[in-house]
C-alpha cells in the first residue's frame, strides 16, 4: 500500500469549473487516485480505476447522508445500493430498454425537434431554444406529466438543480430546493393517479412497482426527470458545440453511421456529468492508496474519457475515432445510466432535424462559447446562424 498520500493542493475549483482538462491531464501524471484538497475528497483519474470503482457498490457507496440529490428527493435508485437499489430501479428497467424507447419516442422526438425549429429566427441560441426544451418536454411526456404545465415543472426543476449545485459547492441545503421538490412531487402524484396501462414510462413502470410506496415512486420519477433533463440537455449542447465549432456539422449530419460515432466521441470529449460521488464504507485501498472509511471518493468521467492509456490524442474531437464508445460517460455497474438510450435518440433526432431543416447551419463566430461547470458541464450558449427550410 502507498504510504505517501498523493496530493494536489494546486488544483482549484475555478480550474475544474472553467476548463478541467489540462488540470486532469496533470493529475493523471500524479497517480490514479489523488487527494484534492479543494474538493475535500479523493479523485480517481484513470479509466480502468474509475470503471472498477463504478462496479464496487460494497466498498464504495452512494448511500450516505452527504449525497446531494438524496438530501432533496429522499431515497431513490440514485442514492441507494445493493438490494435496496435493485428494489428502486427494477420497475423502471423494462420501460427504458432500447427497443421500447425507440418504439415510443422516435416519432415524438422528431416532431418536437420540428416544432422547436419552427420558432427559430435567423440567429438562434441552440442550448436554450433546442437542447434544453427538447430534453425537458421529452421527459415531461415520458413521465405522463401535463405538457401545459411545462413552465411550472421547469421552474421547479431549475430550483432543484440550483439546490444540488449549492450543496456540491459546500453550502447548506436551501429551503427553496425543498419547496420546489414538494411542488414537483405533488404534480407527480397527480400523474401517478392518472396513469393507465402503458400511457407513459411512469405508467409502464407501475405494473412492476408493487414493492415501492407512492413516495418512493415519486422520488425515483424525480431523479429520472432531473437526469433526463440536465444531462441530456448537456449531451445535446456539447454535441452541437463540437460539430459547429469544428465545422463538421454538415459532413457528420449527412452520414447516419458517422453521426452515431460523433455522438459517442462527443460523450467522450465532454461528459455532461463530469463526476460521480461515492463514499468509502470502510478503510480500503484503491490503486495502492489507503482511503479512510467515510471519505469522499470522486469518480472523474471527464478524466477517464481522456486517459492517454486508451485514447490517442485525447483532446482532439475525432468523429471517426474507432474506440470512442469506450467512454465512461454513462457509467457501468449497478448505476449504469437508465436513460442512455433515450438520450442518444434525442441527440440523433436533434442533429438529423437540424440538418434537414437548416442545411446551412453554422456557428456564430462572433459569439463563441465553451462548456463550463464543476459537476454538470455544457456551454452557456451556442449561437448559430441559419435560414430555415420547410419541413
Protein backbone atom coordinates (compact mmCIF):
# COMPACT_ATOMS: atom_id res chain seq x y z
CA UNK A 1 0.00 0.00 0.00
CA UNK A 2 1.21 3.50 -0.81
CA UNK A 3 2.28 5.23 2.43
CA UNK A 4 2.77 8.58 0.68
CA UNK A 5 -0.53 10.36 0.13
CA UNK A 6 -0.59 11.71 -3.44
CA UNK A 7 -1.99 15.21 -3.07
CA UNK A 8 -2.77 18.08 -5.43
CA UNK A 9 -3.07 21.29 -3.44
CA UNK A 10 -2.56 23.30 -6.64
CA UNK A 11 -5.98 22.30 -8.04
CA UNK A 12 -8.69 24.95 -7.73
CA UNK A 13 -12.44 24.70 -8.09
CA UNK A 14 -12.26 27.52 -10.62
CA UNK A 15 -9.89 25.46 -12.81
CA UNK A 16 -12.24 22.49 -12.72
CA UNK A 17 -15.30 24.60 -13.50
CA UNK A 18 -13.81 26.59 -16.38
CA UNK A 19 -11.64 24.05 -18.21
CA UNK A 20 -10.74 20.95 -16.20
CA UNK A 21 -8.89 19.04 -18.90
CA UNK A 22 -5.36 20.47 -18.51
CA UNK A 23 -5.68 20.02 -14.74
CA UNK A 24 -6.98 16.47 -15.11
CA UNK A 25 -4.15 15.59 -17.51
CA UNK A 26 -1.66 16.76 -14.89
CA UNK A 27 -3.48 14.80 -12.18
CA UNK A 28 -3.16 11.61 -14.22
CA UNK A 29 0.62 12.03 -14.05
CA UNK A 30 0.41 12.27 -10.25
CA UNK A 31 -1.45 9.00 -9.88
CA UNK A 32 -4.65 7.06 -10.47
CA UNK A 33 -6.02 8.19 -7.09
CA UNK A 34 -5.17 11.68 -5.82
CA UNK A 35 -6.25 13.71 -2.80
CA UNK A 36 -7.71 17.04 -3.98
CA UNK A 37 -7.95 19.46 -1.05
CA UNK A 38 -10.14 21.90 -2.99
CA UNK A 39 -12.83 19.19 -3.20
CA UNK A 40 -12.14 17.59 0.20
CA UNK A 41 -12.00 14.23 -1.50
CA UNK A 42 -10.03 11.63 -3.41
CA UNK A 43 -10.27 11.82 -7.20
CA UNK A 44 -9.91 8.73 -9.39
CA UNK A 45 -8.23 9.83 -12.61
CA UNK A 46 -7.74 6.77 -14.84
CA UNK A 47 -10.33 4.95 -16.91
CA UNK A 48 -9.69 1.44 -15.56
CA UNK A 49 -9.73 2.53 -11.93
CA UNK A 50 -12.92 4.53 -12.49
CA UNK A 51 -14.60 1.50 -14.05
CA UNK A 52 -13.53 -0.68 -11.12
CA UNK A 53 -14.93 1.88 -8.67
CA UNK A 54 -18.28 2.02 -10.52
CA UNK A 55 -18.65 -1.75 -10.21
CA UNK A 56 -17.89 -1.76 -6.47
CA UNK A 57 -21.05 -0.97 -4.53
CA UNK A 58 -19.69 -2.66 -1.41
CA UNK A 59 -16.51 -0.68 -0.72
CA UNK A 60 -17.89 2.50 -2.31
CA UNK A 61 -21.47 3.66 -1.88
CA UNK A 62 -23.88 6.44 -2.77
CA UNK A 63 -25.94 5.60 0.32
CA UNK A 64 -24.62 8.40 2.52
CA UNK A 65 -26.35 11.40 4.14
CA UNK A 66 -23.98 13.72 2.26
CA UNK A 67 -25.19 12.55 -1.17
CA UNK A 68 -26.57 15.78 -2.59
CA UNK A 69 -29.61 14.72 -4.62
CA UNK A 70 -30.75 12.34 -1.89
CA UNK A 71 -30.91 15.24 0.57
CA UNK A 72 -33.69 16.74 -1.56
CA UNK A 73 -35.59 13.78 -3.01
CA UNK A 74 -35.08 11.16 -0.34
CA UNK A 75 -34.10 7.54 -1.09
CA UNK A 76 -34.21 6.51 -4.76
CA UNK A 77 -32.32 4.37 -7.26
CA UNK A 78 -29.75 7.18 -7.39
CA UNK A 79 -28.96 7.18 -3.66
CA UNK A 80 -29.17 3.52 -2.64
CA UNK A 81 -27.05 0.41 -3.20
CA UNK A 82 -27.37 -3.36 -3.03
CA UNK A 83 -30.82 -4.99 -2.71
CA UNK A 84 -32.41 -1.64 -1.83
CA UNK A 85 -31.09 -0.13 -5.06
CA UNK A 86 -32.45 -3.06 -7.05
CA UNK A 87 -35.87 -2.61 -5.42
CA UNK A 88 -35.95 1.03 -6.52
CA UNK A 89 -34.52 0.53 -10.01
CA UNK A 90 -36.05 -2.73 -11.24
CA UNK A 91 -39.57 -1.41 -12.01
CA UNK A 92 -38.10 1.16 -14.42
CA UNK A 93 -35.74 -1.18 -16.29
CA UNK A 94 -38.28 -2.61 -18.75
CA UNK A 95 -39.75 0.71 -19.97
CA UNK A 96 -36.25 2.11 -20.55
CA UNK A 97 -34.88 -0.77 -22.65
CA UNK A 98 -33.64 0.12 -26.14
CA UNK A 99 -36.47 -1.33 -28.25
CA UNK A 100 -39.15 0.21 -26.03
CA UNK A 101 -37.52 3.65 -26.18
CA UNK A 102 -37.16 3.56 -29.97
CA UNK A 103 -40.75 2.46 -30.47
CA UNK A 104 -42.21 5.02 -28.06
CA UNK A 105 -40.06 8.08 -28.67
CA UNK A 106 -38.52 8.22 -32.16
CA UNK A 107 -41.52 9.86 -33.78
CA UNK A 108 -42.23 12.05 -30.73
CA UNK A 109 -38.66 13.36 -30.66
CA UNK A 110 -38.69 14.15 -34.40
CA UNK A 111 -41.97 16.06 -34.05
CA UNK A 112 -40.64 18.02 -31.08
CA UNK A 113 -37.45 18.98 -32.93
CA UNK A 114 -39.52 20.25 -35.85
CA UNK A 115 -41.81 22.21 -33.53
CA UNK A 116 -38.82 23.90 -31.90
CA UNK A 117 -37.16 24.71 -35.23
CA UNK A 118 -40.40 26.32 -36.42
CA UNK A 119 -39.84 29.03 -33.81
CA UNK A 120 -36.24 29.82 -34.81
CA UNK A 121 -35.15 33.19 -36.14
CA UNK A 122 -32.18 33.68 -38.48
CA UNK A 123 -29.94 33.81 -35.39
CA UNK A 124 -30.62 31.11 -32.84
CA UNK A 125 -29.22 30.11 -29.47
CA UNK A 126 -29.36 26.34 -29.66
CA UNK A 127 -28.93 25.41 -25.99
CA UNK A 128 -31.97 27.27 -24.70
CA UNK A 129 -34.03 27.07 -27.90
CA UNK A 130 -33.40 23.42 -28.79
CA UNK A 131 -31.32 21.25 -26.45
CA UNK A 132 -32.99 22.31 -23.20
CA UNK A 133 -36.62 22.40 -24.36
CA UNK A 134 -36.26 19.10 -26.24
CA UNK A 135 -34.84 17.28 -23.20
CA UNK A 136 -37.44 18.83 -20.89
CA UNK A 137 -40.50 18.17 -23.00
CA UNK A 138 -39.46 14.58 -23.76
CA UNK A 139 -39.11 13.82 -20.04
CA UNK A 140 -42.38 15.56 -19.20
CA UNK A 141 -44.03 13.38 -21.85
CA UNK A 142 -42.19 10.27 -20.63
CA UNK A 143 -43.45 10.71 -17.08
CA UNK A 144 -47.01 11.44 -18.11
CA UNK A 145 -46.92 14.98 -16.74
CA UNK A 146 -49.14 17.78 -18.04
CA UNK A 147 -47.39 19.39 -21.01
CA UNK A 148 -49.50 22.50 -20.40
CA UNK A 149 -47.76 22.89 -17.03
CA UNK A 150 -44.28 22.66 -18.57
CA UNK A 151 -43.25 26.14 -17.42
CA UNK A 152 -44.12 25.33 -13.80
CA UNK A 153 -42.33 21.99 -13.99
CA UNK A 154 -39.20 23.56 -15.46
CA UNK A 155 -39.25 26.23 -12.80
CA UNK A 156 -39.30 23.60 -10.06
CA UNK A 157 -36.60 21.65 -11.85
CA UNK A 158 -34.32 24.70 -12.12
CA UNK A 159 -34.66 25.39 -8.41
CA UNK A 160 -33.86 21.76 -7.56
CA UNK A 161 -30.77 21.85 -9.83
CA UNK A 162 -29.64 25.06 -8.17
CA UNK A 163 -30.02 23.46 -4.73
CA UNK A 164 -27.92 20.44 -5.80
CA UNK A 165 -25.24 22.75 -7.18
CA UNK A 166 -25.18 24.72 -3.92
CA UNK A 167 -24.81 21.51 -1.91
CA UNK A 168 -21.99 20.32 -4.18
CA UNK A 169 -20.17 23.62 -3.56
CA UNK A 170 -20.40 23.11 0.22
CA UNK A 171 -23.38 25.33 1.04
CA UNK A 172 -26.26 24.41 3.34
CA UNK A 173 -29.36 22.77 1.88
CA UNK A 174 -31.53 25.70 0.67
CA UNK A 175 -35.18 25.63 1.70
CA UNK A 176 -36.14 26.78 -1.79
CA UNK A 177 -34.94 23.47 -3.22
CA UNK A 178 -37.09 21.51 -0.76
CA UNK A 179 -40.11 23.71 -1.54
CA UNK A 180 -39.62 23.18 -5.28
CA UNK A 181 -39.39 19.42 -4.78
CA UNK A 182 -42.61 19.43 -2.75
CA UNK A 183 -44.44 21.21 -5.58
CA UNK A 184 -42.99 18.85 -8.16
CA UNK A 185 -43.87 15.80 -6.07
CA UNK A 186 -47.46 16.99 -5.99
CA UNK A 187 -47.57 17.09 -9.81
CA UNK A 188 -46.05 13.62 -9.98
CA UNK A 189 -48.66 12.21 -7.60
CA UNK A 190 -51.38 13.55 -9.91
CA UNK A 191 -49.65 11.81 -12.84
CA UNK A 192 -49.39 8.57 -10.84
CA UNK A 193 -53.09 8.67 -10.01
CA UNK A 194 -53.96 9.23 -13.69
CA UNK A 195 -51.52 6.63 -15.07
CA UNK A 196 -53.07 3.87 -17.16
CA UNK A 197 -51.55 0.88 -18.95
CA UNK A 198 -48.52 1.92 -20.99
CA UNK A 199 -49.51 5.56 -21.49
CA UNK A 200 -46.12 6.77 -20.20
CA UNK A 201 -42.85 5.32 -18.93
CA UNK A 202 -44.08 6.01 -15.42
CA UNK A 203 -47.35 4.20 -16.12
CA UNK A 204 -45.44 1.28 -17.65
CA UNK A 205 -43.28 1.03 -14.53
CA UNK A 206 -46.26 0.87 -12.16
CA UNK A 207 -47.03 -2.73 -13.07
CA UNK A 208 -43.65 -3.81 -11.69
CA UNK A 209 -43.58 -1.36 -8.79
CA UNK A 210 -45.64 -3.11 -6.14
CA UNK A 211 -42.63 -3.05 -3.79
CA UNK A 212 -42.43 0.75 -3.93
CA UNK A 213 -44.51 3.21 -1.96
CA UNK A 214 -46.07 6.27 -3.62
CA UNK A 215 -43.35 8.46 -2.05
CA UNK A 216 -40.64 6.14 -3.40
CA UNK A 217 -42.17 6.17 -6.87
CA UNK A 218 -42.22 9.95 -6.70
CA UNK A 219 -38.55 10.12 -5.63
CA UNK A 220 -37.48 7.85 -8.48
CA UNK A 221 -39.54 9.78 -11.02
CA UNK A 222 -37.93 12.98 -9.77
CA UNK A 223 -34.38 11.71 -10.28
CA UNK A 224 -35.35 10.42 -13.73
CA UNK A 225 -36.64 13.88 -14.63
CA UNK A 226 -33.53 15.50 -13.18
CA UNK A 227 -31.15 13.23 -15.11
CA UNK A 228 -33.28 13.20 -18.23
CA UNK A 229 -33.28 16.98 -18.50
CA UNK A 230 -29.93 18.13 -17.09
CA UNK A 231 -27.58 15.56 -18.58
CA UNK A 232 -29.46 15.13 -21.87
CA UNK A 233 -29.56 18.89 -22.43
CA UNK A 234 -25.82 18.95 -21.72
CA UNK A 235 -25.17 16.00 -24.01
CA UNK A 236 -27.03 17.62 -26.95
CA UNK A 237 -25.49 21.03 -26.27
CA UNK A 238 -21.96 19.59 -26.11
CA UNK A 239 -22.55 17.67 -29.35
CA UNK A 240 -23.75 20.81 -31.11
CA UNK A 241 -20.76 22.71 -29.75
CA UNK A 242 -18.32 20.11 -31.07
CA UNK A 243 -19.92 19.80 -34.51
CA UNK A 244 -20.35 23.54 -35.09
CA UNK A 245 -17.06 24.74 -33.63
CA UNK A 246 -15.11 22.25 -35.77
CA UNK A 247 -17.13 22.95 -38.94
CA UNK A 248 -18.10 19.27 -39.16
CA UNK A 249 -21.86 19.66 -38.71
CA UNK A 250 -22.92 19.15 -42.34
CA UNK A 251 -20.50 16.29 -43.00
CA UNK A 252 -21.47 14.37 -39.87
CA UNK A 253 -25.21 15.00 -40.16
CA UNK A 254 -25.28 13.66 -43.73
CA UNK A 255 -23.99 10.22 -42.69
CA UNK A 256 -26.05 8.28 -40.10
CA UNK A 257 -23.14 5.97 -39.23
CA UNK A 258 -20.77 8.90 -38.78
CA UNK A 259 -23.41 10.71 -36.72
CA UNK A 260 -23.66 7.79 -34.29
CA UNK A 261 -19.87 7.77 -33.99
CA UNK A 262 -19.78 11.53 -33.44
CA UNK A 263 -22.34 11.23 -30.64
CA UNK A 264 -20.05 8.76 -28.85
CA UNK A 265 -16.99 10.95 -29.45
CA UNK A 266 -18.77 13.99 -28.03
CA UNK A 267 -19.81 11.94 -25.00
CA UNK A 268 -16.15 11.03 -24.56
CA UNK A 269 -14.82 14.54 -25.02
CA UNK A 270 -17.20 16.30 -22.65
CA UNK A 271 -19.46 14.21 -20.40
CA UNK A 272 -22.45 16.25 -19.28
CA UNK A 273 -21.97 14.81 -15.78
CA UNK A 274 -18.23 15.21 -15.21
CA UNK A 275 -18.01 13.48 -11.84
CA UNK A 276 -19.82 10.94 -9.67
CA UNK A 277 -19.60 10.92 -5.89
CA UNK A 278 -19.02 7.83 -3.75
CA UNK A 279 -18.18 7.31 -0.07
CA UNK A 280 -15.83 4.69 1.39
CA UNK A 281 -17.78 2.20 3.52
CA UNK A 282 -14.62 1.00 5.30
CA UNK A 283 -10.88 1.59 5.31
CA UNK A 284 -9.90 0.39 1.86
CA UNK A 285 -7.20 0.51 -0.77
CA UNK A 286 -7.70 1.98 -4.23
CA UNK A 287 -4.86 1.62 -6.75
CA UNK A 288 -2.41 1.25 -3.87
CA UNK A 289 -3.69 4.29 -1.96
CA UNK A 290 -5.18 3.98 1.54
CA UNK A 291 -8.66 5.53 1.73
CA UNK A 292 -10.11 6.05 5.24
CA UNK A 293 -13.66 4.96 5.98
CA UNK A 294 -16.21 7.70 5.23
CA UNK A 295 -14.00 9.69 2.85
CA UNK A 296 -15.45 11.17 -0.32
CA UNK A 297 -14.22 9.45 -3.48
CA UNK A 298 -14.81 11.37 -6.72
CA UNK A 299 -15.09 9.33 -9.91
CA UNK A 300 -13.98 11.63 -12.74
CA UNK A 301 -15.67 10.74 -16.01
CA UNK A 302 -14.00 13.77 -17.59
CA UNK A 303 -10.55 12.42 -16.72
CA UNK A 304 -11.30 8.77 -17.54
CA UNK A 305 -12.54 9.75 -21.00
CA UNK A 306 -9.24 11.41 -21.89
CA UNK A 307 -6.99 8.76 -20.42
CA UNK A 308 -3.95 8.60 -22.72
CA UNK A 309 -3.55 4.90 -21.95
CA UNK A 310 -6.54 4.19 -24.21
CA UNK A 311 -7.36 7.30 -26.24
CA UNK A 312 -4.67 8.60 -28.59
CA UNK A 313 -4.56 12.40 -28.91
CA UNK A 314 -7.39 12.57 -26.35
CA UNK A 315 -8.02 16.32 -26.58
CA UNK A 316 -8.93 16.15 -30.28
CA UNK A 317 -12.56 15.76 -31.37
CA UNK A 318 -12.50 12.97 -33.95
CA UNK A 319 -15.91 11.66 -35.07
CA UNK A 320 -14.17 8.73 -36.74
CA UNK A 321 -12.35 7.62 -33.57
CA UNK A 322 -12.60 3.83 -33.60
CA UNK A 323 -12.80 3.33 -29.83
CA UNK A 324 -14.88 6.39 -28.84
CA UNK A 325 -17.64 4.18 -27.45
CA UNK A 326 -15.29 3.02 -24.70
CA UNK A 327 -16.01 6.25 -22.84
CA UNK A 328 -17.32 6.04 -19.25
CA UNK A 329 -19.97 8.75 -19.58
CA UNK A 330 -22.99 6.52 -18.95
CA UNK A 331 -21.13 4.67 -16.16
CA UNK A 332 -21.18 0.90 -15.67
CA UNK A 333 -22.12 -1.49 -12.92
CA UNK A 334 -25.27 -1.15 -10.79
CA UNK A 335 -25.69 2.56 -11.51
CA UNK A 336 -25.28 2.44 -15.29
CA UNK A 337 -27.42 5.23 -16.77
CA UNK A 338 -31.02 4.08 -17.19
CA UNK A 339 -31.81 6.83 -19.70
CA UNK A 340 -28.86 6.41 -22.07
CA UNK A 341 -30.99 5.05 -24.95
CA UNK A 342 -33.42 7.96 -24.74
CA UNK A 343 -30.57 10.48 -24.52
CA UNK A 344 -28.86 9.08 -27.62
CA UNK A 345 -32.15 9.04 -29.52
CA UNK A 346 -32.84 12.69 -28.69
CA UNK A 347 -29.33 13.73 -29.75
CA UNK A 348 -29.66 11.86 -33.04
CA UNK A 349 -33.07 13.35 -33.83
CA UNK A 350 -31.86 16.85 -32.91
CA UNK A 351 -28.97 16.73 -35.38
CA UNK A 352 -31.00 14.98 -38.09
CA UNK A 353 -33.81 17.50 -37.83
CA UNK A 354 -31.47 20.49 -37.87
CA UNK A 355 -29.65 19.17 -40.94
CA UNK A 356 -32.90 18.58 -42.81
CA UNK A 357 -34.44 21.94 -41.95
CA UNK A 358 -31.29 24.09 -41.69
CA UNK A 359 -28.64 22.65 -44.03
CA UNK A 360 -26.60 25.88 -43.89
CA UNK A 361 -26.44 25.99 -40.08
CA UNK A 362 -23.14 27.47 -38.92
CA UNK A 363 -21.59 28.63 -35.66
CA UNK A 364 -21.77 32.36 -34.99
CA UNK A 365 -18.05 33.10 -34.79
CA UNK A 366 -18.71 36.42 -33.05
CA UNK A 367 -20.30 34.68 -30.06
CA UNK A 368 -18.22 31.60 -29.18
CA UNK A 369 -18.81 29.59 -26.01
CA UNK A 370 -17.15 26.69 -24.22
CA UNK A 371 -18.54 24.02 -21.87
CA UNK A 372 -18.43 25.06 -18.21
CA UNK A 373 -19.34 23.58 -14.85
CA UNK A 374 -17.84 21.62 -11.97
CA UNK A 375 -20.35 18.76 -11.90
CA UNK A 376 -22.64 19.35 -14.89
CA UNK A 377 -20.84 20.65 -17.97
CA UNK A 378 -22.33 22.36 -21.02
CA UNK A 379 -21.76 25.60 -22.95
CA UNK A 380 -23.78 28.52 -21.55
CA UNK A 381 -24.82 29.39 -25.10
CA UNK A 382 -24.48 28.05 -28.65
CA UNK A 383 -25.20 30.86 -31.09
CA UNK A 384 -25.66 29.87 -34.71
CA UNK A 385 -26.87 31.43 -37.95
CA UNK A 386 -29.48 29.67 -40.03
CA UNK A 387 -32.07 30.02 -42.77
CA UNK A 388 -34.98 27.67 -42.19
CA UNK A 389 -36.36 25.40 -44.90
CA UNK A 390 -39.87 24.00 -44.80
CA UNK A 391 -40.46 20.68 -43.09
